Amino acid sequence: MAKRVLIVDDAAFMRMLLKDIITKAGYEVAGEAANGVEAVEKYKELKPDVVTMDITMPEMDGITAIKKIKEIDPNAKIIVCSAMGQQAMVIEAIQAGAKDFIVKPFQHSRVIEALQKLS
């Protein structure tokens, strides 16, 4: 069965890019969210297998959203997406419960590898 992925990023272009990579790799995009608040709501509603989570977003950042999703589901599988130079935030995200991270600009192979590791 194809894994269901929730894409969280405040940039519509990034969501579109990820959606393209994910669907071409045979995964299903369960939904999209533009900020952490939406991410938590969508997680509850859609119960995706994997979440790709941006760190820097309005309303609620990715790290706070990871913590909230982990409260709902301690087994949640979350992959952090960050821009170069956000190493400290990536470490914080991993400590909050993220399982892996991918760096923007996305390399198709790296995104797929991260998804496969969690499948």
C-alpha atoms as a PDB file:
ATOM      1  CA  MET A   1       0.000   0.000   0.000  1.00  0.00           C
ATOM      2  CA  ALA A   2       1.275   3.457  -0.856  1.00  0.00           C
ATOM      3  CA  LYS A   3       2.289   5.490   2.155  1.00  0.00           C
ATOM      4  CA  ARG A   4       0.181   8.594   2.809  1.00  0.00           C
ATOM      5  CA  VAL A   5       2.170  11.807   3.264  1.00  0.00           C
ATOM      6  CA  LEU A   6       1.126  15.153   4.769  1.00  0.00           C
ATOM      7  CA  ILE A   7       3.165  18.035   3.296  1.00  0.00           C
ATOM      8  CA  VAL A   8       3.663  21.050   5.561  1.00  0.00           C
ATOM      9  CA  ASP A   9       5.297  24.203   4.169  1.00  0.00           C
ATOM     10  CA  ASP A  10       4.237  27.848   4.094  1.00  0.00           C
ATOM     11  CA  ALA A  11       5.465  28.197   0.502  1.00  0.00           C
ATOM     12  CA  ALA A  12       2.965  26.838  -2.045  1.00  0.00           C
ATOM     13  CA  PHE A  13       5.838  26.356  -4.518  1.00  0.00           C
ATOM     14  CA  MET A  14       7.690  24.074  -2.061  1.00  0.00           C
ATOM     15  CA  ARG A  15       4.528  22.063  -1.411  1.00  0.00           C
ATOM     16  CA  MET A  16       4.043  21.662  -5.154  1.00  0.00           C
ATOM     17  CA  LEU A  17       7.657  20.564  -5.618  1.00  0.00           C
ATOM     18  CA  LEU A  18       7.430  17.992  -2.825  1.00  0.00           C
ATOM     19  CA  LYS A  19       4.045  16.763  -4.056  1.00  0.00           C
ATOM     20  CA  ASP A  20       5.576  16.135  -7.479  1.00  0.00           C
ATOM     21  CA  ILE A  21       8.561  14.192  -6.063  1.00  0.00           C
ATOM     22  CA  ILE A  22       6.381  12.196  -3.648  1.00  0.00           C
ATOM     23  CA  THR A  23       3.674  11.185  -6.123  1.00  0.00           C
ATOM     24  CA  LYS A  24       6.221  10.228  -8.807  1.00  0.00           C
ATOM     25  CA  ALA A  25       7.854   7.934  -6.216  1.00  0.00           C
ATOM     26  CA  GLY A  26       4.533   6.126  -5.749  1.00  0.00           C
ATOM     27  CA  TYR A  27       3.421   7.735  -2.496  1.00  0.00           C
ATOM     28  CA  GLU A  28       0.041   9.335  -1.926  1.00  0.00           C
ATOM     29  CA  VAL A  29      -0.253  12.946  -0.748  1.00  0.00           C
ATOM     30  CA  ALA A  30      -2.882  12.771   2.014  1.00  0.00           C
ATOM     31  CA  GLY A  31      -3.012  16.549   2.419  1.00  0.00           C
ATOM     32  CA  GLU A  32      -1.169  19.842   2.684  1.00  0.00           C
ATOM     33  CA  ALA A  33      -0.792  22.468   5.387  1.00  0.00           C
ATOM     34  CA  ALA A  34       0.665  25.990   5.217  1.00  0.00           C
ATOM     35  CA  ASN A  35       1.596  26.403   8.902  1.00  0.00           C
ATOM     36  CA  GLY A  36       2.015  24.501  12.149  1.00  0.00           C
ATOM     37  CA  VAL A  37      -1.550  25.104  13.343  1.00  0.00           C
ATOM     38  CA  GLU A  38      -2.931  23.598  10.120  1.00  0.00           C
ATOM     39  CA  ALA A  39      -0.384  20.767  10.332  1.00  0.00           C
ATOM     40  CA  VAL A  40      -1.631  19.658  13.763  1.00  0.00           C
ATOM     41  CA  GLU A  41      -5.293  19.860  12.662  1.00  0.00           C
ATOM     42  CA  LYS A  42      -4.626  17.961   9.423  1.00  0.00           C
ATOM     43  CA  TYR A  43      -2.599  15.327  11.278  1.00  0.00           C
ATOM     44  CA  LYS A  44      -5.563  14.622  13.580  1.00  0.00           C
ATOM     45  CA  GLU A  45      -7.978  14.568  10.657  1.00  0.00           C
ATOM     46  CA  LEU A  46      -5.959  12.623   8.050  1.00  0.00           C
ATOM     47  CA  LYS A  47      -3.708  10.385  10.187  1.00  0.00           C
ATOM     48  CA  PRO A  48      -0.946  10.290   7.538  1.00  0.00           C
ATOM     49  CA  ASP A  49       1.871   7.713   7.623  1.00  0.00           C
ATOM     50  CA  VAL A  50       4.580  10.362   7.209  1.00  0.00           C
ATOM     51  CA  VAL A  51       4.765  14.168   7.563  1.00  0.00           C
ATOM     52  CA  THR A  52       7.246  16.461   5.790  1.00  0.00           C
ATOM     53  CA  MET A  53       7.561  19.491   8.082  1.00  0.00           C
ATOM     54  CA  ASP A  54       9.020  22.897   7.247  1.00  0.00           C
ATOM     55  CA  ILE A  55      10.645  24.619  10.236  1.00  0.00           C
ATOM     56  CA  THR A  56      10.109  28.333   9.627  1.00  0.00           C
ATOM     57  CA  MET A  57       6.392  29.104   9.215  1.00  0.00           C
ATOM     58  CA  PRO A  58       3.885  31.732  10.386  1.00  0.00           C
ATOM     59  CA  GLU A  59       1.427  31.147  13.288  1.00  0.00           C
ATOM     60  CA  MET A  60       3.230  28.059  14.604  1.00  0.00           C
ATOM     61  CA  ASP A  61       6.730  26.932  13.653  1.00  0.00           C
ATOM     62  CA  GLY A  62       7.599  23.378  12.671  1.00  0.00           C
ATOM     63  CA  ILE A  63       9.330  22.507  15.948  1.00  0.00           C
ATOM     64  CA  THR A  64       6.254  23.412  18.018  1.00  0.00           C
ATOM     65  CA  ALA A  65       4.071  21.521  15.542  1.00  0.00           C
ATOM     66  CA  ILE A  66       6.310  18.420  15.845  1.00  0.00           C
ATOM     67  CA  LYS A  67       5.933  18.505  19.645  1.00  0.00           C
ATOM     68  CA  LYS A  68       2.139  18.836  19.382  1.00  0.00           C
ATOM     69  CA  ILE A  69       1.845  16.028  16.810  1.00  0.00           C
ATOM     70  CA  LYS A  70       4.044  13.810  19.012  1.00  0.00           C
ATOM     71  CA  GLU A  71       1.653  14.479  21.935  1.00  0.00           C
ATOM     72  CA  ILE A  72      -1.235  13.242  19.762  1.00  0.00           C
ATOM     73  CA  ASP A  73       0.722  10.318  18.322  1.00  0.00           C
ATOM     74  CA  PRO A  74       4.055   9.352  19.913  1.00  0.00           C
ATOM     75  CA  ASN A  75       4.761   7.129  16.880  1.00  0.00           C
ATOM     76  CA  ALA A  76       4.328   9.914  14.312  1.00  0.00           C
ATOM     77  CA  LYS A  77       6.938   9.789  11.547  1.00  0.00           C
ATOM     78  CA  ILE A  78       8.091  13.309  10.712  1.00  0.00           C
ATOM     79  CA  ILE A  79      10.759  14.424   8.252  1.00  0.00           C
ATOM     80  CA  VAL A  80      12.001  17.982   8.741  1.00  0.00           C
ATOM     81  CA  CYS A  81      12.624  20.162   5.684  1.00  0.00           C
ATOM     82  CA  SER A  82      15.052  22.993   6.275  1.00  0.00           C
ATOM     83  CA  ALA A  83      17.085  25.493   4.343  1.00  0.00           C
ATOM     84  CA  MET A  84      20.882  25.398   4.487  1.00  0.00           C
ATOM     85  CA  GLY A  85      22.345  26.893   7.638  1.00  0.00           C
ATOM     86  CA  GLN A  86      19.539  25.834   9.971  1.00  0.00           C
ATOM     87  CA  GLN A  87      21.544  23.078  11.662  1.00  0.00           C
ATOM     88  CA  ALA A  88      20.655  24.217  15.190  1.00  0.00           C
ATOM     89  CA  MET A  89      16.958  24.120  14.322  1.00  0.00           C
ATOM     90  CA  VAL A  90      17.318  20.700  12.723  1.00  0.00           C
ATOM     91  CA  ILE A  91      18.915  19.377  15.928  1.00  0.00           C
ATOM     92  CA  GLU A  92      16.063  20.898  17.937  1.00  0.00           C
ATOM     93  CA  ALA A  93      13.536  19.284  15.574  1.00  0.00           C
ATOM     94  CA  ILE A  94      15.198  15.859  15.945  1.00  0.00           C
ATOM     95  CA  GLN A  95      15.134  16.283  19.739  1.00  0.00           C
ATOM     96  CA  ALA A  96      11.426  17.170  19.461  1.00  0.00           C
ATOM     97  CA  GLY A  97      10.862  13.860  17.711  1.00  0.00           C
ATOM     98  CA  ALA A  98      11.556  14.244  13.992  1.00  0.00           C
ATOM     99  CA  LYS A  99      12.993  11.070  12.448  1.00  0.00           C
ATOM    100  CA  ASP A 100      15.000  12.561   9.580  1.00  0.00           C
ATOM    101  CA  PHE A 101      15.675  15.808   7.742  1.00  0.00           C
ATOM    102  CA  ILE A 102      16.030  16.918   4.156  1.00  0.00           C
ATOM    103  CA  VAL A 103      17.665  20.143   3.043  1.00  0.00           C
ATOM    104  CA  LYS A 104      16.209  22.676   0.616  1.00  0.00           C
ATOM    105  CA  PRO A 105      16.636  22.908  -2.331  1.00  0.00           C
ATOM    106  CA  PHE A 106      15.365  19.331  -2.448  1.00  0.00           C
ATOM    107  CA  GLN A 107      17.274  16.547  -4.131  1.00  0.00           C
ATOM    108  CA  HIS A 108      14.699  14.067  -5.444  1.00  0.00           C
ATOM    109  CA  SER A 109      16.786  11.047  -4.394  1.00  0.00           C
ATOM    110  CA  ARG A 110      17.214  12.362  -0.839  1.00  0.00           C
ATOM    111  CA  VAL A 111      13.464  12.959  -0.388  1.00  0.00           C
ATOM    112  CA  ILE A 112      12.679   9.435  -1.608  1.00  0.00           C
ATOM    113  CA  GLU A 113      15.430   7.935   0.553  1.00  0.00           C
ATOM    114  CA  ALA A 114      14.026   9.674   3.653  1.00  0.00           C
ATOM    115  CA  LEU A 115      10.514   8.382   2.874  1.00  0.00           C
ATOM    116  CA  GLN A 116      11.753   4.843   2.244  1.00  0.00           C
ATOM    117  CA  LYS A 117      13.668   4.799   5.537  1.00  0.00           C
ATOM    118  CA  LEU A 118      10.420   5.493   7.401  1.00  0.00           C
ATOM    119  CA  SER A 119       8.224   3.138   5.362  1.00  0.00           C
END
